[in-house]
Protein backbone atom coordinates (compact mmCIF):
# COMPACT_ATOMS: atom_id res chain seq x y z
CA MET A 1 -0.27 0.06 0.05
CA THR A 2 1.90 3.02 -1.14
CA THR A 3 1.10 6.36 1.09
CA LYS A 4 4.17 8.26 -1.34
CA ILE A 5 4.79 8.68 -4.58
CA TYR A 6 8.39 10.16 -5.34
CA LEU A 7 10.02 10.84 -9.28
CA PRO A 8 13.93 10.63 -9.44
CA GLU A 9 15.60 13.60 -10.28
CA SER A 10 15.84 12.41 -14.01
CA GLU A 11 12.21 12.91 -14.30
CA LEU A 12 12.32 16.36 -13.41
CA PRO A 13 10.55 18.21 -15.79
CA THR A 14 12.71 20.10 -18.58
CA HIS A 15 10.09 22.47 -19.84
CA TRP A 16 7.53 24.26 -17.91
CA TYR A 17 3.59 24.35 -19.24
CA ASN A 18 1.67 27.64 -20.44
CA VAL A 19 -1.57 27.34 -20.28
CA ALA A 20 -2.01 30.20 -22.79
CA ALA A 21 -1.49 27.94 -26.09
CA ASP A 22 -4.94 26.15 -25.18
CA MET A 23 -6.91 29.02 -23.80
CA PRO A 24 -10.21 29.29 -26.25
CA ASN A 25 -9.54 33.34 -26.27
CA PRO A 26 -6.28 34.72 -26.07
CA PRO A 27 -4.98 36.33 -22.89
CA ALA A 28 -6.60 40.15 -22.72
CA PRO A 29 -3.86 42.73 -23.26
CA TYR A 30 -2.29 44.76 -20.52
CA LEU A 31 -3.29 48.47 -20.89
CA GLY A 32 -0.79 51.23 -19.87
CA PRO A 33 -2.45 54.75 -18.69
CA ASP A 34 -3.99 55.83 -22.00
CA GLY A 35 -5.91 52.77 -22.53
CA ARG A 36 -4.11 51.48 -24.94
CA PRO A 37 -2.37 47.86 -25.05
CA VAL A 38 1.26 47.91 -23.06
CA PRO A 39 4.01 47.21 -25.51
CA PRO A 40 6.62 44.57 -24.52
CA GLU A 41 9.32 46.96 -24.42
CA ALA A 42 7.38 48.91 -21.59
CA MET A 43 7.94 45.90 -19.47
CA LEU A 44 11.92 46.46 -19.75
CA ALA A 45 11.93 48.80 -17.12
CA ILE A 46 11.92 46.53 -14.45
CA PHE A 47 12.06 43.23 -15.64
CA PRO A 48 14.85 41.17 -17.75
CA GLU A 49 13.65 40.80 -21.28
CA THR A 50 13.65 36.82 -21.18
CA LEU A 51 10.87 37.03 -18.16
CA VAL A 52 9.00 39.47 -20.34
CA MET A 53 8.99 37.46 -23.24
CA GLN A 54 7.39 34.56 -20.86
CA GLU A 55 5.08 37.07 -19.81
CA MET A 56 3.67 37.58 -23.67
CA SER A 57 4.58 34.14 -24.98
CA SER A 58 1.60 31.22 -26.69
CA GLU A 59 4.04 28.60 -26.96
CA ARG A 60 3.07 25.83 -25.23
CA TRP A 61 6.41 24.55 -23.82
CA ILE A 62 9.26 26.63 -22.58
CA GLU A 63 12.48 25.36 -21.70
CA ILE A 64 13.50 25.26 -18.30
CA PRO A 65 17.25 26.47 -18.44
CA ALA A 66 20.15 23.71 -16.29
CA PRO A 67 20.88 25.91 -13.84
CA VAL A 68 17.40 26.61 -13.19
CA ARG A 69 16.75 22.82 -13.06
CA GLU A 70 19.92 22.37 -11.12
CA ALA A 71 19.00 24.43 -8.23
CA LEU A 72 15.33 22.96 -8.49
CA THR A 73 16.95 19.75 -7.17
CA LEU A 74 17.45 20.73 -4.07
CA TRP A 75 13.84 19.73 -3.18
CA ARG A 76 12.07 18.35 -6.31
CA PRO A 77 10.74 16.20 -7.95
CA SER A 78 8.22 17.34 -4.41
CA PRO A 79 6.63 13.85 -3.30
CA LEU A 80 2.77 13.16 -4.16
CA TYR A 81 0.90 11.72 -0.88
CA ARG A 82 -2.16 9.31 -0.98
CA ALA A 83 -3.99 11.18 2.56
CA ARG A 84 -5.06 7.48 3.15
CA ARG A 85 -5.58 8.27 7.40
CA LEU A 86 -7.56 11.47 6.51
CA GLU A 87 -9.93 9.08 4.41
CA GLN A 88 -10.06 6.78 6.89
CA LEU A 89 -10.93 9.64 9.91
CA LEU A 90 -13.52 10.88 7.26
CA LYS A 91 -14.96 7.68 6.04
CA THR A 92 -15.19 8.24 2.80
CA PRO A 93 -14.99 6.31 -0.08
CA ALA A 94 -13.20 9.06 -2.11
CA LYS A 95 -9.05 8.95 -2.73
CA ILE A 96 -7.12 12.12 -1.72
CA TYR A 97 -3.98 13.00 -3.46
CA TYR A 98 -2.00 16.08 -2.34
CA LYS A 99 1.17 17.56 -3.69
CA ASN A 100 3.37 18.16 -0.95
CA GLU A 101 5.23 21.72 -1.71
CA ALA A 102 6.06 22.01 2.39
CA VAL A 103 9.81 20.04 1.22
CA SER A 104 10.99 23.35 -0.36
CA PRO A 105 13.96 25.43 1.98
CA ALA A 106 11.46 27.51 2.31
CA GLY A 107 8.66 25.68 3.02
CA SER A 108 6.54 26.35 0.41
CA HIS A 109 5.46 25.92 -3.26
CA LYS A 110 7.38 29.97 -4.18
CA PRO A 111 10.88 28.92 -4.57
CA ASN A 112 9.87 27.63 -7.71
CA THR A 113 9.60 30.81 -9.95
CA ALA A 114 11.84 32.57 -7.24
CA VAL A 115 14.82 30.73 -8.71
CA ALA A 116 13.89 30.96 -12.57
CA GLN A 117 13.59 34.82 -11.79
CA ALA A 118 16.96 35.22 -10.16
CA TYR A 119 18.29 33.26 -12.77
CA TYR A 120 17.24 35.25 -15.40
CA ASN A 121 18.08 38.64 -13.70
CA ARG A 122 21.97 37.63 -12.88
CA GLU A 123 22.26 36.67 -16.71
CA ALA A 124 20.83 40.16 -17.72
CA GLY A 125 23.31 41.98 -15.67
CA ILE A 126 21.22 42.67 -12.48
CA ARG A 127 22.38 42.51 -9.48
CA ARG A 128 19.57 43.68 -7.35
CA LEU A 129 16.20 42.76 -6.47
CA SER A 130 12.94 44.54 -4.97
CA THR A 131 9.74 42.71 -4.01
CA GLU A 132 6.88 42.39 -1.67
CA THR A 133 5.41 39.90 0.45
CA GLY A 134 2.17 39.36 2.51
CA ALA A 135 2.98 36.55 4.82
CA GLY A 136 6.59 35.96 4.14
CA GLN A 137 6.59 32.56 1.90
CA TRP A 138 7.44 35.00 -1.36
CA GLY A 139 9.98 37.41 0.43
CA SER A 140 11.82 34.21 2.01
CA SER A 141 11.54 32.20 -1.56
CA LEU A 142 13.35 35.43 -3.44
CA ALA A 143 15.99 35.25 -0.58
CA LEU A 144 16.87 32.23 -0.88
CA ALA A 145 17.01 32.67 -4.20
CA GLY A 146 19.03 35.74 -4.67
CA GLN A 147 21.85 33.97 -2.05
CA MET A 148 21.79 30.95 -5.13
CA PHE A 149 22.86 33.62 -7.55
CA GLY A 150 24.73 36.13 -6.03
CA LEU A 151 21.31 38.57 -5.94
CA ASP A 152 21.14 41.60 -3.15
CA VAL A 153 17.23 41.41 -2.31
CA ARG A 154 14.94 43.74 -1.04
CA VAL A 155 11.65 43.24 0.53
CA TYR A 156 8.73 45.11 1.28
CA MET A 157 6.68 42.96 4.14
CA VAL A 158 2.73 43.72 4.39
CA ARG A 159 3.24 45.45 7.64
CA VAL A 160 0.54 43.28 9.61
CA SER A 161 2.30 40.02 8.10
CA TYR A 162 5.13 41.67 9.28
CA GLU A 163 3.89 41.73 12.82
CA GLN A 164 2.54 38.28 12.93
CA LYS A 165 5.35 36.50 11.36
CA PRO A 166 8.82 37.62 12.68
CA TYR A 167 10.30 34.36 11.95
CA ARG A 168 9.29 34.53 8.08
CA ARG A 169 11.09 37.99 8.40
CA SER A 170 14.21 36.04 10.34
CA MET A 171 14.55 33.55 7.22
CA MET A 172 14.74 36.26 4.93
CA GLN A 173 17.28 38.19 7.03
CA THR A 174 19.37 34.80 7.59
CA TRP A 175 19.45 34.17 3.78
CA GLY A 176 20.34 37.91 3.43
CA ALA A 177 17.45 39.96 2.76
CA GLU A 178 16.53 43.63 4.02
CA VAL A 179 12.95 43.61 5.05
CA PHE A 180 10.54 46.40 5.68
CA ALA A 181 6.99 46.47 6.98
CA SER A 182 5.37 48.41 4.65
CA PRO A 183 3.64 50.91 4.37
CA THR A 184 6.95 52.23 4.88
CA ASP A 185 8.35 56.26 4.66
CA MET A 186 11.41 55.03 2.07
CA THR A 187 8.98 55.42 -1.09
CA GLU A 188 6.47 58.29 -2.28
CA SER A 189 3.95 55.64 -2.56
CA GLY A 190 4.40 54.44 1.24
CA ARG A 191 4.91 57.86 2.37
CA LYS A 192 1.01 59.11 0.94
CA VAL A 193 -0.14 55.86 2.05
CA LEU A 194 1.07 56.84 5.86
CA ALA A 195 -0.16 60.34 5.60
CA ALA A 196 -3.72 59.34 4.97
CA ASP A 197 -3.41 56.61 8.12
CA PRO A 198 -0.25 56.28 9.97
CA ASP A 199 -1.52 53.09 11.18
CA SER A 200 -2.36 51.30 8.11
CA PRO A 201 -1.80 47.71 8.25
CA GLY A 202 -0.48 47.58 5.20
CA SER A 203 -1.33 45.25 1.94
CA LEU A 204 0.01 43.75 -0.73
CA GLY A 205 -1.40 46.43 -3.41
CA ILE A 206 0.79 48.86 -1.32
CA ALA A 207 3.95 46.74 -1.10
CA ILE A 208 3.93 46.13 -4.76
CA SER A 209 3.36 49.81 -4.95
CA GLU A 210 6.64 50.42 -3.11
CA ALA A 211 8.71 47.89 -4.53
CA VAL A 212 7.75 48.64 -8.29
CA GLU A 213 8.41 52.41 -7.25
CA GLU A 214 11.86 51.37 -6.07
CA ALA A 215 12.57 49.20 -9.02
CA ALA A 216 11.79 52.21 -11.91
CA SER A 217 14.18 54.30 -9.94
CA ARG A 218 17.47 52.44 -9.69
CA PRO A 219 18.76 51.41 -12.98
CA ASP A 220 20.98 48.17 -10.95
CA THR A 221 17.51 46.77 -9.45
CA ASN A 222 14.81 44.69 -11.25
CA TYR A 223 11.30 43.78 -9.60
CA ALA A 224 10.07 40.16 -9.12
CA LEU A 225 6.69 39.36 -8.44
CA GLY A 226 5.90 36.09 -6.65
CA SER A 227 2.03 35.73 -7.82
CA VAL A 228 -0.08 37.33 -10.35
CA LEU A 229 1.71 37.88 -13.96
CA ASN A 230 1.77 34.94 -16.67
CA HIS A 231 5.35 34.29 -16.28
CA VAL A 232 5.26 33.24 -12.67
CA LEU A 233 2.07 31.00 -12.86
CA LEU A 234 4.36 29.37 -15.66
CA HIS A 235 6.79 28.59 -13.74
CA GLN A 236 4.83 27.03 -10.98
CA THR A 237 3.31 24.86 -13.70
CA ILE A 238 6.15 22.39 -12.49
CA ILE A 239 4.05 21.05 -10.02
CA GLY A 240 0.87 20.00 -11.70
CA LEU A 241 3.30 18.70 -14.58
CA GLU A 242 5.04 16.17 -11.57
CA ALA A 243 1.62 15.36 -10.43
CA ARG A 244 0.44 14.20 -13.44
CA ARG A 245 3.12 11.93 -14.37
CA GLN A 246 2.95 10.79 -9.90
CA LEU A 247 -0.67 10.04 -10.60
CA GLU A 248 0.04 7.94 -13.98
CA LEU A 249 2.02 5.69 -11.91
CA ALA A 250 -0.34 5.23 -9.29
CA GLY A 251 -2.92 4.16 -12.03
CA ASP A 252 -4.95 7.12 -10.98
CA TYR A 253 -6.49 10.56 -12.54
CA PRO A 254 -8.32 13.24 -10.55
CA ASP A 255 -11.81 14.10 -10.72
CA MET A 256 -11.49 17.76 -8.96
CA ILE A 257 -8.41 19.65 -8.09
CA PHE A 258 -8.23 22.06 -5.26
CA ALA A 259 -5.64 24.43 -4.83
CA PRO A 260 -5.49 28.02 -3.29
CA CYS A 261 -5.69 31.22 -5.21
CA GLY A 262 -4.70 34.58 -3.70
CA GLY A 263 -2.89 35.57 -6.94
CA GLY A 264 -3.14 32.74 -8.68
CA SER A 265 -0.19 31.22 -8.43
CA ASN A 266 -0.72 28.82 -6.08
CA PHE A 267 -3.95 27.06 -8.36
CA GLY A 268 -2.27 27.57 -11.95
CA GLY A 269 0.66 25.63 -10.76
CA LEU A 270 -1.14 22.87 -9.97
CA ALA A 271 -4.29 23.15 -11.97
CA PHE A 272 -3.06 24.21 -15.44
CA PRO A 273 -0.99 21.19 -16.66
CA PHE A 274 -4.62 19.53 -15.88
CA PHE A 275 -6.35 22.04 -18.04
CA ALA A 276 -4.39 21.12 -21.38
CA ASP A 277 -6.24 17.57 -20.41
CA LYS A 278 -9.55 19.38 -20.16
CA ALA A 279 -8.89 21.30 -23.17
CA ALA A 280 -8.33 18.30 -25.29
CA GLY A 281 -11.75 17.17 -23.77
CA ARG A 282 -11.13 15.00 -20.18
CA GLU A 283 -13.36 15.82 -17.82
CA VAL A 284 -11.35 17.54 -14.82
CA ARG A 285 -12.94 19.90 -12.45
CA LEU A 286 -10.69 22.64 -11.64
CA VAL A 287 -11.54 24.28 -8.52
CA ALA A 288 -9.58 27.98 -6.89
CA VAL A 289 -10.71 28.12 -3.40
CA GLU A 290 -10.01 31.56 -1.80
CA PRO A 291 -10.85 33.16 1.78
CA ALA A 292 -14.41 34.45 2.52
CA SER A 293 -12.71 37.90 3.79
CA CYS A 294 -10.90 38.65 0.33
CA PRO A 295 -13.30 37.61 -1.88
CA THR A 296 -11.63 38.24 -5.48
CA LEU A 297 -13.17 35.58 -7.53
CA THR A 298 -16.04 34.87 -6.00
CA ARG A 299 -17.58 38.25 -5.04
CA GLY A 300 -15.26 40.76 -7.18
CA VAL A 301 -16.04 41.99 -10.83
CA TYR A 302 -14.35 41.34 -13.86
CA ALA A 303 -12.77 44.53 -14.95
CA TYR A 304 -9.27 46.35 -15.89
CA ASP A 305 -7.65 47.45 -13.03
CA PHE A 306 -4.19 48.48 -11.24
CA GLY A 307 -2.01 45.54 -9.84
CA ASP A 308 -0.89 47.64 -7.08
CA THR A 309 -2.53 50.29 -5.12
CA ALA A 310 -0.43 53.56 -6.12
CA GLY A 311 -1.18 52.32 -10.11
CA LEU A 312 2.18 52.27 -11.00
CA THR A 313 1.38 48.80 -12.72
CA PRO A 314 0.04 48.62 -16.10
CA MET A 315 -4.34 47.54 -16.30
CA MET A 316 -5.08 44.09 -16.35
CA LYS A 317 -8.21 42.66 -16.92
CA MET A 318 -8.72 40.39 -13.67
CA TYR A 319 -11.25 39.45 -10.97
CA THR A 320 -10.99 42.36 -8.86
CA LEU A 321 -11.97 44.24 -5.37
CA GLY A 322 -10.71 47.35 -6.14
CA HIS A 323 -6.88 48.17 -6.06
CA ASP A 324 -7.24 50.26 -3.05
CA PHE A 325 -9.40 47.54 -1.16
CA MET A 326 -7.60 47.03 2.26
CA PRO A 327 -8.69 43.46 3.43
CA PRO A 328 -8.63 42.31 7.09
CA GLY A 329 -5.71 41.11 9.07
CA ILE A 330 -6.57 37.56 8.56
CA HIS A 331 -3.40 34.70 9.03
CA ALA A 332 -3.86 33.73 5.38
CA GLY A 333 -1.63 36.39 4.51
CA GLY A 334 -0.57 35.39 0.93
CA LEU A 335 -3.80 35.50 -0.41
CA ARG A 336 -4.91 39.11 0.84
CA TYR A 337 -4.61 39.94 -2.49
CA HIS A 338 -6.98 42.37 -4.55
CA GLY A 339 -6.89 41.07 -7.61
CA ASP A 340 -6.57 37.80 -9.59
CA SER A 341 -4.06 36.30 -12.09
CA ALA A 342 -5.55 37.82 -15.76
CA LEU A 343 -4.79 34.24 -16.54
CA VAL A 344 -7.02 32.65 -14.09
CA SER A 345 -9.27 35.32 -14.27
CA GLN A 346 -10.13 34.87 -17.97
CA LEU A 347 -10.78 31.36 -17.38
CA TYR A 348 -12.84 31.61 -14.58
CA HIS A 349 -15.08 34.15 -16.71
CA GLU A 350 -15.24 31.88 -19.33
CA GLY A 351 -16.41 28.86 -17.19
CA LEU A 352 -13.60 26.62 -17.68
CA ILE A 353 -12.35 26.79 -13.91
CA GLU A 354 -14.74 27.12 -10.93
CA ALA A 355 -14.19 29.20 -7.45
CA THR A 356 -15.03 29.08 -3.89
CA ALA A 357 -14.75 30.73 -0.94
CA VAL A 358 -13.95 29.22 2.61
CA ALA A 359 -14.47 30.87 5.95
CA GLN A 360 -11.59 31.53 8.17
CA LEU A 361 -12.43 28.93 11.06
CA GLU A 362 -13.63 26.45 8.88
CA THR A 363 -10.09 26.72 7.20
CA PHE A 364 -8.35 26.53 10.72
CA ALA A 365 -10.46 23.30 11.31
CA ALA A 366 -9.72 21.71 8.34
CA GLY A 367 -6.05 22.10 9.25
CA VAL A 368 -6.02 20.40 12.73
CA MET A 369 -7.70 17.73 11.13
CA PHE A 370 -5.25 17.18 8.18
CA ALA A 371 -2.36 17.41 10.98
CA GLN A 372 -4.42 14.76 13.39
CA SER A 373 -4.48 12.48 10.37
CA GLU A 374 -1.83 12.90 8.37
CA GLY A 375 1.15 14.81 10.60
CA ILE A 376 2.11 18.03 8.50
CA ILE A 377 0.47 20.91 9.70
CA PRO A 378 -0.79 22.74 6.85
CA ALA A 379 -0.08 26.78 6.44
CA PRO A 380 -2.93 29.17 7.16
CA GLU A 381 -3.40 29.45 2.80
CA SER A 382 -2.84 25.68 2.17
CA CYS A 383 -5.65 25.16 4.83
CA HIS A 384 -8.11 26.40 2.46
CA ALA A 385 -7.37 23.48 -0.11
CA VAL A 386 -7.63 21.17 2.64
CA ALA A 387 -11.00 22.52 3.66
CA ALA A 388 -12.24 22.57 -0.08
CA ALA A 389 -11.30 18.80 -0.36
CA ILE A 390 -12.81 17.77 3.09
CA ARG A 391 -15.97 19.33 1.96
CA ALA A 392 -15.73 17.07 -1.06
CA ALA A 393 -14.78 13.86 0.53
CA ARG A 394 -17.56 14.65 2.85
CA GLU A 395 -20.12 14.57 -0.29
CA CYS A 396 -18.73 11.76 -1.43
CA ALA A 397 -19.19 10.08 2.15
CA GLN A 398 -22.60 11.28 1.68
CA SER A 399 -23.58 10.25 -1.78
CA GLY A 400 -20.93 6.85 -1.84
CA GLU A 401 -19.35 8.08 -5.12
CA THR A 402 -15.64 7.34 -5.11
CA LYS A 403 -13.28 10.24 -6.87
CA THR A 404 -10.20 11.05 -6.67
CA LEU A 405 -9.72 14.68 -5.28
CA LEU A 406 -5.94 15.93 -5.31
CA PHE A 407 -5.24 19.33 -3.62
CA ASN A 408 -2.16 21.38 -3.53
CA LEU A 409 -0.62 21.36 0.21
CA SER A 410 1.35 24.70 -1.13
CA GLY A 411 3.51 25.18 2.52
CA HIS A 412 3.61 24.09 5.93
CA GLY A 413 2.69 26.22 8.68
CA HIS A 414 5.78 25.89 11.21
CA PHE A 415 6.04 29.77 11.13
CA ASP A 416 2.08 30.46 11.79
CA MET A 417 1.87 28.65 15.19
CA ALA A 418 0.87 32.12 16.87
CA ALA A 419 -2.03 31.67 14.35
CA TYR A 420 -3.17 28.22 15.48
CA ASP A 421 -2.47 29.04 19.09
CA ARG A 422 -4.92 31.75 18.66
CA TYR A 423 -7.39 29.40 16.75
CA LEU A 424 -7.16 26.62 19.54
CA ARG A 425 -7.95 29.47 22.16
CA GLY A 426 -10.93 30.79 20.13
CA GLU A 427 -9.67 33.90 19.72
CA LEU A 428 -10.35 33.74 15.77
CA THR A 429 -13.48 34.89 13.79
CA ASP A 430 -14.87 34.83 10.73
CA TYR A 431 -15.52 37.77 8.48
CA ASP A 432 -17.48 38.34 5.53
CA TYR A 433 -16.33 41.26 3.97
CA PRO A 434 -19.03 44.03 3.90
CA GLU A 435 -20.63 44.24 0.59
CA SER A 436 -21.15 48.06 0.99
CA ALA A 437 -16.71 48.34 1.20
CA ILE A 438 -16.53 46.10 -1.33
CA ARG A 439 -18.62 48.61 -3.77
CA ALA A 440 -16.77 51.62 -2.10
CA SER A 441 -13.77 50.48 -3.41
CA LEU A 442 -14.82 49.21 -6.99
CA ALA A 443 -15.88 52.90 -7.15
CA HIS A 444 -12.32 53.60 -7.53
CA LEU A 445 -11.63 51.32 -10.73
CA PRO A 446 -9.85 52.86 -13.54
CA GLN A 447 -12.11 54.45 -16.53
CA VAL A 448 -10.73 52.37 -19.59
CA GLY A 449 -12.53 53.71 -22.75
């Protein structure tokens, strides 16, 4: 009876999968302040040419450079687990599998793109990167990648997470990065936020503004992003590509796939390679799982909006709650983004993928159940996928259906025990974002003619 399905390093994927090649309609273009499509060269101010080309590419397969593959072998291929003890606990006929991305040095899926971005920037002659981070998984991943490829890294960390997750900050600093609580007084966009609200808890949109502003103002510095953009989701497809092969070895195939969704890299990384099968006619349900307190796909609107609070980025057509949306300080800090990947948004808008929202208490209850059955304590973000998979498994228990379920365990919760501590003491609450607040934020969407 097999619990873990491994791949040898010789089967590490040689190419990333680009979902744009199989989308029924071309991705909507990014727009500039004038409402016209942004030319690729406009993005060269903060990104290396290779990443810009990947951002705009419609090629199905893009080769992974040898130095990137070598770096990835520190933890890849990651194991696929059959969650047999969870199945027994739920008394479900469903088969539950999870891809364990917690095995990376940073403890999450984020290094998959961090090492690629660091490599391409080094090859372009860049020696310094600026970025933002929410809960710290991305910031620590880029700090690690910067150390691996000889780059200095500066991280603007959302203030509420900076205070909630001190040990992720320590990880970044251990790997040589500078870390600042955003909003700061170091950038114009940060100073504007502090002038309006000196006690601002920060948001990913604000932190992105600060990091982009710094990269655009320094010729030696580029910007690196942990989610949302096409090239980031491209790099993460190594997760789903490995999972497809591992399930093939197990003689199985998923009926439903679940992954947490904040900016989209977690979900796209696991689900996109299976979308290739769906596009070819195979039945598979792909479900993005988001927090009820930051319900971008399930309660946002599909419209052009800025990727940051200050409006420094191009406008992307995406599901959004408004670029000045201020999410509550939930512990799933990596899912507190106002928008979503343009690719994920378009696929959702066209009815090709699904989305569901889960309340905070249900996610932590699922995380505790998973920890008590499978042994791994999931990150609060990962708990969203666990909760959705448990919902589906319970439905199978009631209906008697034997479905195969797959989810992404995108990271461990070892640096999130303060959140579990609050949950176990009964101090956490559910928070459904008020419709009036969402409407107020959406009123400030940019007008695109």
